[in-house]
Protein backbone atom coordinates (compact mmCIF):
# COMPACT_ATOMS: atom_id res chain seq x y z
CA MET A 1 -0.20 -41.70 -18.16
CA LEU A 2 -3.30 -39.50 -18.51
CA GLU A 3 -5.25 -41.69 -16.09
CA ARG A 4 -2.92 -40.56 -13.27
CA LEU A 5 -3.50 -36.83 -13.78
CA ARG A 6 -4.60 -35.00 -10.63
CA LEU A 7 -6.21 -32.24 -12.69
CA ALA A 8 -9.67 -32.02 -14.24
CA LEU A 9 -9.10 -32.14 -18.00
CA ARG A 10 -11.19 -29.54 -19.84
CA LEU A 11 -10.63 -26.48 -21.97
CA ARG A 12 -10.00 -23.32 -19.97
CA GLY A 13 -9.37 -19.68 -20.70
CA ALA A 14 -5.87 -18.33 -20.28
CA TRP A 15 -6.36 -16.79 -16.83
CA GLU A 16 -8.39 -19.77 -15.64
CA ALA A 17 -5.47 -21.94 -16.73
CA VAL A 18 -3.13 -19.77 -14.64
CA ASP A 19 -5.46 -20.24 -11.70
CA SER A 20 -5.39 -24.02 -12.24
CA GLY A 21 -1.59 -23.83 -11.89
CA TYR A 22 -2.06 -21.94 -8.63
CA ALA A 23 -4.44 -24.67 -7.49
CA LEU A 24 -1.75 -27.28 -8.16
CA LEU A 25 0.69 -25.21 -6.10
CA ARG A 26 -1.77 -24.90 -3.20
CA ALA A 27 -2.38 -28.66 -3.22
CA HIS A 28 1.31 -29.56 -3.31
CA GLY A 29 2.88 -26.42 -1.85
CA ARG A 30 4.99 -28.21 0.77
CA LEU A 31 6.62 -30.44 -1.85
CA VAL A 32 7.19 -27.64 -4.37
CA TYR A 33 8.66 -25.19 -1.86
CA ALA A 34 10.88 -27.88 -0.35
CA LEU A 35 12.56 -28.56 -3.71
CA TRP A 36 12.55 -24.89 -4.71
CA LEU A 37 14.20 -23.69 -1.51
CA ALA A 38 16.67 -26.59 -1.59
CA ALA A 39 18.07 -25.07 -4.80
CA PHE A 40 17.42 -21.35 -4.19
CA ALA A 41 18.34 -20.83 -0.53
CA PRO A 42 21.95 -22.15 -0.58
CA ALA A 43 22.78 -20.16 -3.71
CA ALA A 44 21.25 -16.99 -2.29
CA ALA A 45 23.17 -17.40 0.98
CA ALA A 46 26.46 -17.95 -0.88
CA LEU A 47 25.96 -14.96 -3.18
CA TYR A 48 25.02 -12.54 -0.39
CA TRP A 49 27.85 -13.79 1.80
CA THR A 50 30.32 -13.23 -1.05
CA PHE A 51 28.98 -9.82 -2.11
CA TRP A 52 27.70 -8.50 1.22
CA ASN A 53 29.38 -5.10 0.81
CA ARG A 54 28.01 -4.91 -2.76
CA ALA A 55 24.70 -6.64 -2.24
CA TRP A 56 23.28 -5.31 -5.50
CA ILE A 57 25.62 -7.71 -7.36
CA ALA A 58 24.24 -10.65 -5.39
CA LEU A 59 20.67 -9.56 -6.19
CA LEU A 60 21.41 -9.17 -9.90
CA LEU A 61 23.14 -12.58 -10.13
CA LEU A 62 20.37 -14.26 -8.13
CA TRP A 63 17.68 -12.86 -10.41
CA TRP A 64 19.65 -13.85 -13.52
CA LEU A 65 20.04 -17.45 -12.27
CA LEU A 66 16.30 -17.95 -11.52
CA PRO A 67 15.84 -20.26 -14.58
CA ILE A 68 18.40 -22.64 -12.99
CA PHE A 69 16.62 -22.85 -9.62
CA GLY A 70 13.13 -22.87 -11.13
CA ARG A 71 13.71 -26.24 -12.76
CA PHE A 72 13.52 -27.96 -9.36
CA ALA A 73 10.13 -26.33 -8.66
CA LEU A 74 8.81 -27.31 -12.10
CA HIS A 75 10.03 -30.87 -11.55
CA ALA A 76 8.05 -31.04 -8.33
CA LEU A 77 4.91 -29.60 -10.01
CA ALA A 78 5.10 -32.01 -12.93
CA LYS A 79 5.59 -35.05 -10.70
CA ALA A 80 2.83 -34.00 -8.31
CA THR A 81 0.43 -33.53 -11.24
CA PHE A 82 0.74 -37.26 -11.94
CA GLY A 83 0.53 -38.33 -8.31
CA GLU A 84 4.25 -38.74 -7.58
CA GLN A 85 6.11 -37.36 -4.55
CA PRO A 86 9.77 -36.67 -5.47
CA THR A 87 12.34 -36.04 -2.76
CA VAL A 88 15.42 -33.86 -2.77
CA ARG A 89 17.62 -36.92 -3.16
CA SER A 90 15.65 -38.34 -6.11
CA THR A 91 15.56 -34.90 -7.75
CA LEU A 92 19.35 -34.59 -7.46
CA LYS A 93 19.66 -38.01 -9.12
CA ASP A 94 17.48 -36.75 -11.97
CA ALA A 95 19.43 -33.46 -12.24
CA LYS A 96 21.15 -34.55 -15.46
CA GLY A 97 17.80 -34.96 -17.21
CA ILE A 98 16.38 -31.80 -15.61
CA TYR A 99 19.22 -29.63 -16.96
CA ARG A 100 19.79 -31.52 -20.21
CA HIS A 101 18.06 -29.12 -22.61
CA GLY A 102 17.89 -25.33 -22.76
CA THR A 103 20.06 -24.49 -19.74
CA VAL A 104 22.63 -22.42 -21.61
CA ALA A 105 20.04 -20.76 -23.84
CA GLY A 106 17.88 -19.96 -20.83
CA LEU A 107 20.76 -18.08 -19.20
CA LEU A 108 22.02 -16.25 -22.31
CA TRP A 109 20.06 -15.21 -25.40
CA ARG A 110 16.66 -16.41 -24.12
CA ARG A 111 17.01 -15.05 -20.55
CA ILE A 112 15.28 -11.73 -21.20
CA GLY A 113 12.12 -13.33 -22.55
CA LEU A 114 8.45 -12.82 -21.76
CA ASN A 115 7.50 -16.50 -21.95
CA ARG A 116 10.05 -18.10 -19.61
CA ALA A 117 7.52 -19.93 -17.41
CA PHE A 118 5.65 -21.23 -20.48
CA THR A 119 8.63 -22.38 -22.52
CA LEU A 120 10.52 -23.99 -19.60
CA PRO A 121 8.29 -27.18 -19.72
CA ILE A 122 9.10 -27.53 -23.43
CA TRP A 123 12.79 -27.84 -22.61
CA GLN A 124 12.54 -29.75 -19.38
CA LEU A 125 9.45 -31.97 -19.64
CA GLU A 126 9.32 -32.60 -23.39
CA GLY A 127 13.11 -32.75 -23.78
CA GLN A 128 13.09 -30.44 -26.78
CA GLY A 129 16.26 -28.64 -27.70
CA GLY A 130 17.81 -26.93 -30.71
CA SER A 131 15.77 -27.37 -33.88
CA GLY A 132 13.14 -29.41 -31.99
CA TYR A 133 12.49 -26.51 -29.65
CA ARG A 134 12.39 -24.02 -32.52
CA ARG A 135 9.69 -26.08 -34.23
CA ARG A 136 7.72 -26.89 -31.10
CA ALA A 137 7.66 -23.53 -29.28
CA PRO A 138 5.88 -21.47 -32.00
CA VAL A 139 3.13 -24.09 -32.23
CA LEU A 140 2.41 -23.99 -28.49
CA LEU A 141 2.76 -20.18 -28.30
CA ARG A 142 0.49 -19.51 -31.29
CA ARG A 143 -2.60 -18.69 -29.22
CA THR A 144 -0.93 -18.18 -25.83
CA HIS A 145 1.88 -15.71 -26.51
CA GLY A 146 -0.09 -12.63 -25.42
CA PRO A 147 -1.44 -13.99 -22.11
CA SER A 148 1.96 -15.59 -21.31
CA ALA A 149 3.87 -12.32 -21.90
CA LEU A 150 1.29 -10.30 -19.91
CA PHE A 151 1.50 -12.82 -17.07
CA THR A 152 5.30 -12.43 -16.97
CA VAL A 153 5.05 -8.63 -16.79
CA PHE A 154 2.40 -8.85 -14.07
CA SER A 155 4.54 -11.28 -12.05
CA PHE A 156 7.59 -9.00 -12.29
CA LEU A 157 5.58 -5.97 -11.14
CA LEU A 158 4.16 -8.04 -8.30
CA LEU A 159 7.71 -8.93 -7.26
CA ILE A 160 8.65 -5.23 -7.10
CA VAL A 161 5.50 -4.30 -5.17
CA PHE A 162 5.98 -7.14 -2.70
CA SER A 163 9.61 -6.12 -2.08
CA MET A 164 8.57 -2.51 -1.47
CA ALA A 165 5.80 -3.68 0.87
CA ILE A 166 8.28 -5.62 2.97
CA TRP A 167 10.65 -2.62 3.08
CA ILE A 168 7.87 -0.21 4.09
CA GLY A 169 6.60 -2.66 6.68
CA ILE A 170 10.04 -2.89 8.27
CA LEU A 171 10.44 0.90 8.32
CA TYR A 172 7.04 1.50 9.92
CA LEU A 173 6.68 -1.54 12.16
CA ALA A 174 10.22 -1.93 13.50
CA PRO A 175 10.53 -1.05 17.21
CA GLU A 176 11.86 2.44 17.93
CA GLY A 177 15.65 2.52 18.01
CA LEU A 178 16.12 -0.84 16.30
CA LEU A 179 16.90 0.67 12.92
CA ASP A 180 19.33 3.15 14.53
CA GLN A 181 21.24 0.20 15.99
CA ALA A 182 21.28 -1.52 12.61
CA LYS A 183 21.87 1.57 10.50
CA ASN A 184 24.74 -0.11 8.64
CA LEU A 185 22.20 -2.59 7.26
CA VAL A 186 19.70 0.07 6.30
CA ALA A 187 21.99 2.70 4.79
CA THR A 188 25.72 2.92 4.06
CA GLY A 189 27.66 5.79 2.55
CA GLY A 190 24.59 7.81 1.64
CA GLY A 191 22.96 4.90 -0.24
CA PRO A 192 20.75 1.94 0.65
CA GLY A 193 22.31 -0.77 2.76
CA PRO A 194 22.46 -4.55 2.23
CA LEU A 195 18.98 -4.99 3.73
CA PHE A 196 17.49 -3.04 0.84
CA TYR A 197 18.95 -5.57 -1.65
CA LEU A 198 18.14 -8.58 0.55
CA LEU A 199 14.37 -8.06 0.60
CA PRO A 200 13.85 -8.70 -3.16
CA ALA A 201 15.53 -12.11 -2.66
CA VAL A 202 12.93 -12.89 0.03
CA ALA A 203 10.21 -11.82 -2.41
CA MET A 204 11.65 -14.06 -5.12
CA ALA A 205 11.75 -17.02 -2.71
CA VAL A 206 8.02 -16.55 -2.03
CA LEU A 207 6.65 -15.58 -5.47
CA GLU A 208 8.77 -17.47 -8.03
CA PRO A 209 6.91 -20.83 -7.51
CA PHE A 210 3.64 -19.00 -8.21
CA TYR A 211 5.08 -17.66 -11.47
CA LEU A 212 6.26 -21.13 -12.52
CA ALA A 213 2.95 -22.73 -11.49
CA GLY A 214 0.95 -20.19 -13.56
CA GLY A 215 3.14 -20.81 -16.63
CA PHE A 216 2.82 -24.57 -16.13
CA GLY A 217 -0.99 -24.20 -16.01
CA LEU A 218 -0.91 -22.27 -19.33
CA TYR A 219 1.30 -24.98 -20.83
CA LEU A 220 -1.00 -27.83 -19.76
CA ASN A 221 -4.05 -25.97 -21.08
CA ARG A 222 -2.38 -25.50 -24.48
CA ARG A 223 -1.50 -29.20 -24.62
CA ILE A 224 -5.13 -30.04 -23.88
CA GLN A 225 -6.23 -27.74 -26.72
CA LEU A 226 -3.83 -29.20 -29.28
CA GLU A 227 -3.92 -32.88 -28.35
CA ALA A 228 -7.46 -33.19 -26.94
CA TRP A 229 -6.37 -34.84 -23.73
CA ASP A 230 -9.88 -34.56 -22.32
CA LEU A 231 -11.40 -36.49 -25.26
CA ASP A 232 -8.59 -39.04 -25.22
CA LEU A 233 -9.13 -39.73 -21.53
CA ALA A 234 -12.94 -39.94 -21.99
CA PHE A 235 -12.55 -42.49 -24.82
CA ARG A 236 -10.11 -44.54 -22.73
CA ARG A 237 -12.55 -44.71 -19.86
CA LEU A 238 -15.37 -45.65 -22.24
CA ALA A 239 -13.22 -48.41 -23.74
CA GLN A 240 -12.47 -49.79 -20.27
CA ARG A 241 -16.18 -49.93 -19.45
CA LEU A 242 -16.96 -51.62 -22.76
CA ARG A 243 -14.19 -54.18 -22.37
CA ALA A 244 -15.57 -55.15 -18.97
CA GLY A 245 -18.85 -56.50 -20.42
CA LEU A 246 -18.10 -56.91 -24.09
CA GLY A 247 -16.82 -60.51 -24.02
CA ARG A 248 -20.09 -62.14 -23.01
CA THR A 249 -22.15 -59.95 -25.33
CA VAL A 250 -20.04 -60.77 -28.38
CA ALA A 251 -20.12 -64.52 -27.62
CA VAL A 252 -23.95 -64.55 -27.32
CA LEU A 253 -24.36 -62.55 -30.57
CA LEU A 254 -22.03 -64.92 -32.47
CA ILE A 255 -23.94 -68.01 -31.31
CA PHE A 256 -27.27 -66.43 -32.19
CA ALA A 257 -26.03 -65.38 -35.65
CA GLY A 258 -24.74 -68.90 -36.25
CA LEU A 259 -28.08 -70.50 -35.39
CA VAL A 260 -30.12 -68.09 -37.52
CA MET A 261 -27.88 -67.91 -40.56
CA GLY A 262 -26.59 -71.47 -40.49
CA SER A 263 -29.19 -72.80 -42.95
CA ARG A 264 -28.30 -70.11 -45.53
CA LEU A 265 -24.60 -70.76 -45.67
CA TRP A 266 -23.13 -72.63 -48.63
CA ALA A 267 -19.69 -73.37 -49.98
CA ARG A 268 -18.32 -71.38 -52.90
CA THR A 269 -15.16 -71.95 -54.79
CA PRO A 270 -13.01 -68.82 -54.67
CA GLU A 271 -12.01 -67.20 -57.94
CA VAL A 272 -8.34 -67.46 -58.79
CA PRO A 273 -7.04 -63.99 -59.75
CA ASN A 274 -4.83 -63.53 -62.78
CA SER A 275 -1.12 -63.32 -62.21
CA PRO A 276 0.51 -59.86 -62.24
CA LYS A 277 2.46 -60.68 -65.40
CA ALA A 278 -0.70 -61.63 -67.30
CA GLU A 279 -2.44 -58.42 -66.22
CA LEU A 280 0.61 -56.38 -67.26
CA LYS A 281 0.57 -57.95 -70.76
CA GLU A 282 -3.10 -57.07 -71.13
CA VAL A 283 -2.39 -53.46 -70.17
CA LEU A 284 0.52 -53.15 -72.63
CA LYS A 285 -1.69 -54.27 -75.51
CA ALA A 286 -3.46 -50.91 -75.39
CA PRO A 287 -2.76 -48.55 -78.39
CA GLU A 288 -1.15 -46.00 -76.15
CA PHE A 289 1.79 -48.35 -75.52
CA GLN A 290 2.30 -49.39 -79.17
CA THR A 291 4.29 -46.27 -80.25
CA TRP A 292 8.05 -46.64 -80.81
CA SER A 293 10.73 -44.03 -81.54
CA GLN A 294 14.46 -44.15 -82.35
CA GLU A 295 17.10 -41.46 -81.62
CA ARG A 296 20.73 -41.19 -82.80
CA THR A 297 23.44 -39.23 -80.97
CA TRP A 298 27.19 -38.70 -81.37
CA HIS A 299 29.67 -39.33 -78.55
CA TRP A 300 33.31 -40.24 -77.98
CA LYS A 301 34.52 -43.81 -77.97
CA ASP A 302 34.51 -45.56 -74.60
CA TRP A 303 32.24 -42.77 -73.41
CA LYS A 304 30.30 -43.41 -70.20
CA GLU A 305 27.38 -41.35 -69.09
CA ALA A 306 28.28 -39.25 -66.08
CA GLU A 307 26.43 -39.80 -62.90
CA PRO A 308 23.95 -37.01 -62.09
CA ARG A 309 25.43 -34.39 -59.82
CA SER A 310 23.75 -33.39 -56.64
CA LYS A 311 22.38 -29.87 -56.36
CA SER A 312 25.06 -28.93 -53.83
CA GLN A 313 28.68 -30.03 -53.99
CA ILE A 314 29.28 -29.06 -50.32
CA PRO A 315 28.79 -31.94 -47.85
CA GLU A 316 26.08 -31.51 -45.28
CA TRP A 317 28.49 -31.91 -42.34
CA VAL A 318 30.23 -28.67 -43.43
CA PHE A 319 27.05 -26.70 -42.83
CA LYS A 320 26.56 -28.38 -39.46
CA LEU A 321 30.16 -27.56 -38.49
CA LEU A 322 29.75 -23.92 -39.54
CA GLY A 323 26.53 -23.71 -37.56
CA GLN A 324 28.21 -25.04 -34.42
CA ILE A 325 31.14 -22.65 -34.84
CA LEU A 326 28.79 -19.69 -35.29
CA LYS A 327 26.80 -20.73 -32.25
CA GLY A 328 29.96 -21.00 -30.18
CA LEU A 329 31.15 -17.58 -31.37
CA ILE A 330 27.83 -16.04 -30.36
CA ILE A 331 28.04 -17.59 -26.89
CA ILE A 332 31.64 -16.43 -26.46
CA ALA A 333 30.71 -12.92 -27.62
CA VAL A 334 27.81 -12.69 -25.18
CA LEU A 335 29.90 -13.99 -22.25
CA SER A 336 32.74 -11.64 -23.16
CA GLY A 337 30.36 -8.70 -23.31
CA VAL A 338 28.88 -9.52 -19.91
CA ALA A 339 32.34 -9.96 -18.37
CA TRP A 340 33.56 -6.69 -19.91
CA PHE A 341 30.50 -4.81 -18.64
CA LEU A 342 30.89 -6.18 -15.10
CA TRP A 343 34.61 -5.39 -15.12
CA ARG A 344 34.03 -1.82 -16.26
CA PHE A 345 31.19 -1.35 -13.79
CA LEU A 346 33.17 -2.69 -10.83
CA LEU A 347 36.17 -0.56 -11.74
CA SER A 348 34.00 2.54 -12.02
CA ARG A 349 32.42 1.80 -8.63
CA SER A 350 35.81 1.34 -6.97
CA GLY A 351 37.38 4.35 -8.64
CA GLY A 352 39.88 2.33 -10.64
CA TRP A 353 38.62 3.60 -14.00
CA VAL A 354 39.25 7.24 -13.26
CA LYS A 355 41.39 8.87 -15.93
CA ASP A 356 44.57 10.77 -15.07
CA GLU A 357 43.04 14.16 -15.63
CA GLU A 358 40.02 13.18 -13.50
CA ALA A 359 42.23 11.71 -10.74
CA SER A 360 44.09 14.97 -10.30
CA TYR A 361 40.90 17.02 -10.43
CA GLN A 362 40.46 19.32 -7.42
CA PRO A 363 36.90 20.67 -7.44
CA ASP A 364 35.82 23.97 -5.90
CA ASP A 365 32.52 22.48 -4.77
CA LEU A 366 31.14 19.05 -4.04
CA PHE A 367 27.42 18.21 -4.10
CA GLY A 368 26.57 21.88 -3.63
CA LEU A 369 29.10 22.64 -0.86
CA ASP A 370 31.76 25.30 -1.45
CA ILE A 371 35.13 23.85 -0.37
CA ARG A 372 37.45 26.59 -1.59
CA PRO A 373 39.94 27.51 1.19
CA GLY A 374 39.20 31.22 0.74
CA SER A 375 35.48 30.68 1.47
CA LEU A 376 36.14 29.32 4.98
CA PRO A 377 36.86 31.26 8.20
CA LYS A 378 40.30 31.20 9.84
CA ASP A 379 39.13 29.30 12.91
CA ILE A 380 36.76 26.65 11.53
CA PRO A 381 36.05 24.66 14.75
CA GLY A 382 35.72 27.86 16.83
CA THR A 383 33.25 29.41 14.39
CA ALA A 384 31.30 26.14 14.13
CA LEU A 385 31.12 25.88 17.94
CA ALA A 386 29.73 29.42 18.19
CA LEU A 387 27.12 28.66 15.55
CA TRP A 388 26.17 25.44 17.35
CA ARG A 389 25.64 27.23 20.66
CA GLU A 390 23.52 29.88 18.92
CA GLY A 391 21.21 27.14 17.58
CA GLU A 392 22.51 27.29 13.99
CA ARG A 393 23.21 23.58 13.92
CA ARG A 394 22.88 23.03 10.19
CA ALA A 395 25.34 25.85 9.51
CA ALA A 396 27.73 24.49 12.15
CA LEU A 397 27.79 20.94 10.72
CA SER A 398 28.01 22.31 7.18
CA LEU A 399 31.06 24.36 8.13
CA LEU A 400 32.78 21.39 9.77
CA TYR A 401 32.05 19.10 6.85
CA ARG A 402 33.14 21.70 4.24
CA GLY A 403 36.33 22.36 6.18
CA ALA A 404 37.14 18.65 6.40
CA LEU A 405 36.61 18.23 2.64
CA ALA A 406 38.73 21.29 1.93
CA ARG A 407 41.62 19.94 4.03
CA LEU A 408 41.37 16.50 2.44
CA VAL A 409 41.20 17.76 -1.16
CA HIS A 410 43.53 20.79 -1.19
CA GLU A 411 46.11 19.78 1.43
CA ARG A 412 46.17 16.00 1.68
CA GLY A 413 45.60 15.26 -1.99
CA LEU A 414 42.29 13.45 -1.78
CA GLU A 415 41.39 12.37 -5.32
CA VAL A 416 37.72 12.76 -6.18
CA SER A 417 36.00 12.68 -9.53
CA PRO A 418 33.30 15.06 -10.75
CA GLY A 419 29.92 14.03 -9.44
CA ALA A 420 31.30 12.26 -6.35
CA THR A 421 28.90 11.70 -3.46
CA GLU A 422 29.37 11.77 0.30
CA GLY A 423 29.85 8.01 0.26
CA ASP A 424 32.50 8.26 -2.47
CA CYS A 425 34.41 10.84 -0.46
CA LEU A 426 34.19 8.69 2.65
CA ARG A 427 35.60 5.66 0.81
CA ALA A 428 38.34 7.72 -0.86
CA ALA A 429 39.39 9.28 2.49
CA SER A 430 40.21 5.94 4.13
CA PRO A 431 43.80 5.73 2.76
CA VAL A 432 44.45 9.41 3.52
CA LEU A 433 43.45 9.43 7.22
CA ASP A 434 44.55 7.30 10.13
CA THR A 435 42.18 4.89 11.90
CA GLU A 436 40.86 7.48 14.36
CA GLY A 437 40.57 10.08 11.62
CA VAL A 438 38.54 7.70 9.49
CA GLY A 439 36.19 7.05 12.40
CA TYR A 440 35.77 10.77 13.07
CA PHE A 441 35.15 11.61 9.40
CA ARG A 442 32.59 8.78 9.14
CA GLY A 443 30.72 10.13 12.16
CA LEU A 444 30.86 13.70 10.79
CA THR A 445 29.54 12.46 7.41
CA PHE A 446 26.64 10.54 8.96
CA ALA A 447 25.77 13.49 11.21
CA TRP A 448 25.71 15.86 8.23
CA GLN A 449 23.60 13.46 6.12
CA ALA A 450 21.13 12.90 8.93
CA LEU A 451 20.65 16.64 9.46
CA ALA A 452 20.75 17.71 5.80
CA TYR A 453 18.53 15.01 4.30
CA ALA A 454 16.53 13.50 7.15
CA HIS A 455 16.35 16.62 9.39
CA ALA A 456 17.43 14.43 12.28
CA ASP A 457 19.50 16.23 14.93
CA SER A 458 21.20 13.61 17.09
CA ALA A 459 24.89 14.63 16.93
CA ASP A 460 27.05 16.14 19.67
CA GLY A 461 28.22 19.36 18.04
CA GLU A 462 30.75 20.31 20.69
CA ALA A 463 32.41 16.87 20.49
CA LEU A 464 32.53 17.15 16.71
CA CYS A 465 34.20 20.57 16.96
CA GLU A 466 36.77 19.28 19.38
CA GLY A 467 37.44 16.23 17.20
CA TRP A 468 37.82 18.43 14.11
CA ARG A 469 40.50 20.47 15.84
CA ARG A 470 42.36 17.30 16.83
CA HIS A 471 42.29 15.64 13.37
CA PHE A 472 42.34 18.64 10.99
CA GLY A 473 43.91 21.45 13.04
CA GLY A 474 42.36 24.77 13.91
CA GLY A 475 43.33 27.09 11.05
CA ARG A 476 41.74 27.98 7.76
CA GLY A 477 40.75 25.14 5.51
């Protein structure tokens, strides 16, 4: 097995071992990325297609499932290290062995770990699981835990920086007007759009094989330290060279020794050793074995000596059963906690977790805007149009937006919770307004956000004033 290694066997420092893993990836990058993307790309496409309107959920699930997809990349690295070229079909056939050990643990209680790339080969390549893994992992991590954890932190920071670099590059290098046409991808409802959550997935697709290759390099280096692979391989090669010319040399030496020593050889009758029984009798004749003692005890008739009891009266299978039950309860508790958290979070995002007193709450101001009816003029669109024509565009849009919120909250019963944002108000207004009203309110919201936060003035104020009068009337808010 060691003779097929495509890696120079010698002791390396921790970061040199990481670089050796990178060298393996550079040499077999096409194979590794083919198997990696065969597992990663379909899952990423399915998750983002399912959660396109909530792309952050797709990103979170994709990051959490990285240990599942990374096993294909590690399989390719391990096979390529020994000169093999696995295909997608052969890897799928070996999927049962690839996912046999550590899959559940890697997704639950060991997911948030700093040694994932280093410990993954222990599960997958050595086939260790359960107690075997708990005995094996501390031995391998004894002198590598620090560099492995630091390498994981560095890889995670590199993932964040790479994602930000892609985002900044798109913002600065995209042709003028392209982002305006795709503004639903860039920003929705006052927050980042799906594109913002899609770029980290691209970064993961590029960088995750490097993380796995670096951890695999650390793992191989630790095996070389513990098991002296370099010395083993050197001795094997030496033995092969010796076997090639040893036969003739040994034959010549034996013939020469026979000719020289032949005249000095003579027959000798071998000594017959004593039998074991005779030797035992001789030993027992010693004074130490000639002492005798007699002891009297009382006991009941037909009494039989009880067999010695074991230290524990509880069968061993009971402890194993209790251990399995406890392990199952822990897994169920973790899964239940994750499901409860996601359920609560999704309900809070959709407004379904709002309490009765919060649902009927009618605020006097929202995100710094006064929406009390008494604070607005009698003719809102007329006043806003006059401000617009005088060049007071921020004041005009602010008045239109405040008036719309006042009508929705105090007249049409729009339910908003404390701390609601522009996007929350836009989503909550959809059931209250008709189709045209929803479109107008969306345009008014985007115009206000662009002017208030980005200082971008691209709205038609007169058209917005006319639309306000048509959808919200012309009187006081």
